Amino acid sequence: MKNLFALTGKVAVVIGGSRGLGKGMARGLANAGATVVISSRGKEALMQAADELTAETGSTVEGIALDITSVAAINTNVKLFHTSATASYFFIFQISSLF
C-alpha cells in the first residue's frame, strides 16, 4: 500500500504541522517517503514534532518557525523551503486557529 502513494523525491511543506491535524498530515506524507518541512509559530513544539516524526517515519522532517501572518517573516524564510532546485514541492495549510 505504501507504493500506491509513494512521494519519494517530493518535498511537502505543512504550515501548522507541529500538532493536531497538521502533524497527522505531516506523518502521513513522511510515511509515504516525502521530505517534509513543518512550520508553526512555536519553535519548541515544532522542533520536538520534527524530531519525533523523523524518528518515527525514517524520513527527513525539518521544522521552520514561521508566523505566516507576517509578510516580512514569509519573505525571509521562503529560501529555507528550497532544499533542491529539482524537487517537486506541494504545500498544505492547516491553520484553522489563525483566524
C-alpha atoms as a PDB file:
ATOM      1  CA  MET A   1       0.000   0.000   0.000  1.00  0.00           C
ATOM      2  CA  LYS A   2       2.908   2.376   0.674  1.00  0.00           C
ATOM      3  CA  ASN A   3       3.943   2.357  -3.011  1.00  0.00           C
ATOM      4  CA  LEU A   4       0.444   3.394  -4.064  1.00  0.00           C
ATOM      5  CA  PHE A   5       1.091   6.815  -2.536  1.00  0.00           C
ATOM      6  CA  ALA A   6       4.866   6.996  -2.957  1.00  0.00           C
ATOM      7  CA  LEU A   7       6.197  10.541  -2.534  1.00  0.00           C
ATOM      8  CA  THR A   8       9.916   9.838  -2.681  1.00  0.00           C
ATOM      9  CA  GLY A   9      11.734  12.815  -4.183  1.00  0.00           C
ATOM     10  CA  LYS A  10       8.922  15.211  -3.285  1.00  0.00           C
ATOM     11  CA  VAL A  11       9.049  17.968  -0.686  1.00  0.00           C
ATOM     12  CA  ALA A  12       5.891  18.661   1.319  1.00  0.00           C
ATOM     13  CA  VAL A  13       5.543  21.872   3.306  1.00  0.00           C
ATOM     14  CA  VAL A  14       2.905  21.648   6.034  1.00  0.00           C
ATOM     15  CA  ILE A  15       2.002  25.013   7.535  1.00  0.00           C
ATOM     16  CA  GLY A  16       0.687  24.359  11.036  1.00  0.00           C
ATOM     17  CA  GLY A  17       2.402  20.973  11.193  1.00  0.00           C
ATOM     18  CA  SER A  18       3.573  20.774  14.801  1.00  0.00           C
ATOM     19  CA  ARG A  19       0.379  19.314  16.281  1.00  0.00           C
ATOM     20  CA  GLY A  20      -3.114  18.041  15.598  1.00  0.00           C
ATOM     21  CA  LEU A  21      -4.283  17.573  12.021  1.00  0.00           C
ATOM     22  CA  GLY A  22      -1.203  19.235  10.546  1.00  0.00           C
ATOM     23  CA  LYS A  23       1.111  16.873  12.398  1.00  0.00           C
ATOM     24  CA  GLY A  24      -1.019  13.922  11.292  1.00  0.00           C
ATOM     25  CA  MET A  25      -0.757  15.066   7.674  1.00  0.00           C
ATOM     26  CA  ALA A  26       2.997  15.510   8.034  1.00  0.00           C
ATOM     27  CA  ARG A  27       3.248  11.982   9.454  1.00  0.00           C
ATOM     28  CA  GLY A  28       1.336  10.502   6.524  1.00  0.00           C
ATOM     29  CA  LEU A  29       3.440  12.375   3.973  1.00  0.00           C
ATOM     30  CA  ALA A  30       6.667  11.308   5.683  1.00  0.00           C
ATOM     31  CA  ASN A  31       5.458   7.697   5.820  1.00  0.00           C
ATOM     32  CA  ALA A  32       4.900   7.908   2.054  1.00  0.00           C
ATOM     33  CA  GLY A  33       8.548   8.915   1.597  1.00  0.00           C
ATOM     34  CA  ALA A  34       8.322  12.694   1.203  1.00  0.00           C
ATOM     35  CA  THR A  35      10.838  15.050   2.723  1.00  0.00           C
ATOM     36  CA  VAL A  36       8.624  17.156   4.985  1.00  0.00           C
ATOM     37  CA  VAL A  37       9.038  20.716   6.195  1.00  0.00           C
ATOM     38  CA  ILE A  38       6.693  21.625   9.022  1.00  0.00           C
ATOM     39  CA  SER A  39       6.179  25.124  10.293  1.00  0.00           C
ATOM     40  CA  SER A  40       4.395  26.883  13.115  1.00  0.00           C
ATOM     41  CA  ARG A  41       4.997  29.841  15.391  1.00  0.00           C
ATOM     42  CA  GLY A  42       6.029  27.824  18.477  1.00  0.00           C
ATOM     43  CA  LYS A  43       9.646  26.797  17.930  1.00  0.00           C
ATOM     44  CA  GLU A  44       9.977  24.388  20.880  1.00  0.00           C
ATOM     45  CA  ALA A  45       6.916  22.295  19.976  1.00  0.00           C
ATOM     46  CA  LEU A  46       7.893  22.488  16.318  1.00  0.00           C
ATOM     47  CA  MET A  47      11.385  21.067  16.844  1.00  0.00           C
ATOM     48  CA  GLN A  48      10.016  18.361  19.135  1.00  0.00           C
ATOM     49  CA  ALA A  49       7.466  17.361  16.476  1.00  0.00           C
ATOM     50  CA  ALA A  50      10.117  17.330  13.714  1.00  0.00           C
ATOM     51  CA  ASP A  51      12.417  15.107  15.785  1.00  0.00           C
ATOM     52  CA  GLU A  52       9.538  12.791  16.714  1.00  0.00           C
ATOM     53  CA  LEU A  53       8.326  12.431  13.118  1.00  0.00           C
ATOM     54  CA  THR A  54      11.852  11.836  11.804  1.00  0.00           C
ATOM     55  CA  ALA A  55      12.443   9.082  14.367  1.00  0.00           C
ATOM     56  CA  GLU A  56       9.024   7.533  13.772  1.00  0.00           C
ATOM     57  CA  THR A  57       8.997   7.555   9.956  1.00  0.00           C
ATOM     58  CA  GLY A  58      12.647   7.436   8.925  1.00  0.00           C
ATOM     59  CA  SER A  59      12.030  10.349   6.530  1.00  0.00           C
ATOM     60  CA  THR A  60      13.610  13.757   6.798  1.00  0.00           C
ATOM     61  CA  VAL A  61      11.310  16.134   8.672  1.00  0.00           C
ATOM     62  CA  GLU A  62      12.555  19.660   9.256  1.00  0.00           C
ATOM     63  CA  GLY A  63      10.959  22.376  11.343  1.00  0.00           C
ATOM     64  CA  ILE A  64      10.942  26.054  10.452  1.00  0.00           C
ATOM     65  CA  ALA A  65       9.460  28.528  12.934  1.00  0.00           C
ATOM     66  CA  LEU A  66       7.304  30.860  10.880  1.00  0.00           C
ATOM     67  CA  ASP A  67       4.493  33.299  11.609  1.00  0.00           C
ATOM     68  CA  ILE A  68       2.534  33.361   8.355  1.00  0.00           C
ATOM     69  CA  THR A  69       0.682  36.490   9.436  1.00  0.00           C
ATOM     70  CA  SER A  70       3.924  38.415   8.838  1.00  0.00           C
ATOM     71  CA  VAL A  71       4.809  39.119   5.207  1.00  0.00           C
ATOM     72  CA  ALA A  72       8.365  40.001   6.268  1.00  0.00           C
ATOM     73  CA  ALA A  73       8.751  36.628   8.013  1.00  0.00           C
ATOM     74  CA  ILE A  74       7.478  34.805   4.937  1.00  0.00           C
ATOM     75  CA  ASN A  75       9.872  36.664   2.639  1.00  0.00           C
ATOM     76  CA  THR A  76      12.785  35.965   4.980  1.00  0.00           C
ATOM     77  CA  ASN A  77      12.032  32.245   5.237  1.00  0.00           C
ATOM     78  CA  VAL A  78      10.981  31.418   1.676  1.00  0.00           C
ATOM     79  CA  LYS A  79      14.541  30.450   0.758  1.00  0.00           C
ATOM     80  CA  LEU A  80      14.501  27.792   3.503  1.00  0.00           C
ATOM     81  CA  PHE A  81      11.857  25.862   1.561  1.00  0.00           C
ATOM     82  CA  HIS A  82      14.194  25.487  -1.425  1.00  0.00           C
ATOM     83  CA  THR A  83      16.194  22.411  -0.439  1.00  0.00           C
ATOM     84  CA  SER A  84      16.719  21.312  -4.039  1.00  0.00           C
ATOM     85  CA  ALA A  85      16.347  23.080  -7.367  1.00  0.00           C
ATOM     86  CA  THR A  86      14.834  19.952  -8.934  1.00  0.00           C
ATOM     87  CA  ALA A  87      12.492  18.959  -6.106  1.00  0.00           C
ATOM     88  CA  SER A  88       8.737  18.946  -6.565  1.00  0.00           C
ATOM     89  CA  TYR A  89       7.001  20.945  -3.849  1.00  0.00           C
ATOM     90  CA  PHE A  90       3.490  20.979  -2.547  1.00  0.00           C
ATOM     91  CA  PHE A  91       2.022  22.944   0.337  1.00  0.00           C
ATOM     92  CA  ILE A  92      -0.640  22.049   2.893  1.00  0.00           C
ATOM     93  CA  PHE A  93      -2.088  24.779   5.090  1.00  0.00           C
ATOM     94  CA  GLN A  94      -3.548  23.569   8.396  1.00  0.00           C
ATOM     95  CA  ILE A  95      -4.151  26.912  10.079  1.00  0.00           C
ATOM     96  CA  SER A  96      -7.712  26.828  11.359  1.00  0.00           C
ATOM     97  CA  SER A  97      -6.778  28.522  14.647  1.00  0.00           C
ATOM     98  CA  LEU A  98      -5.251  31.506  12.844  1.00  0.00           C
ATOM     99  CA  PHE A  99      -8.468  33.445  12.403  1.00  0.00           C
END
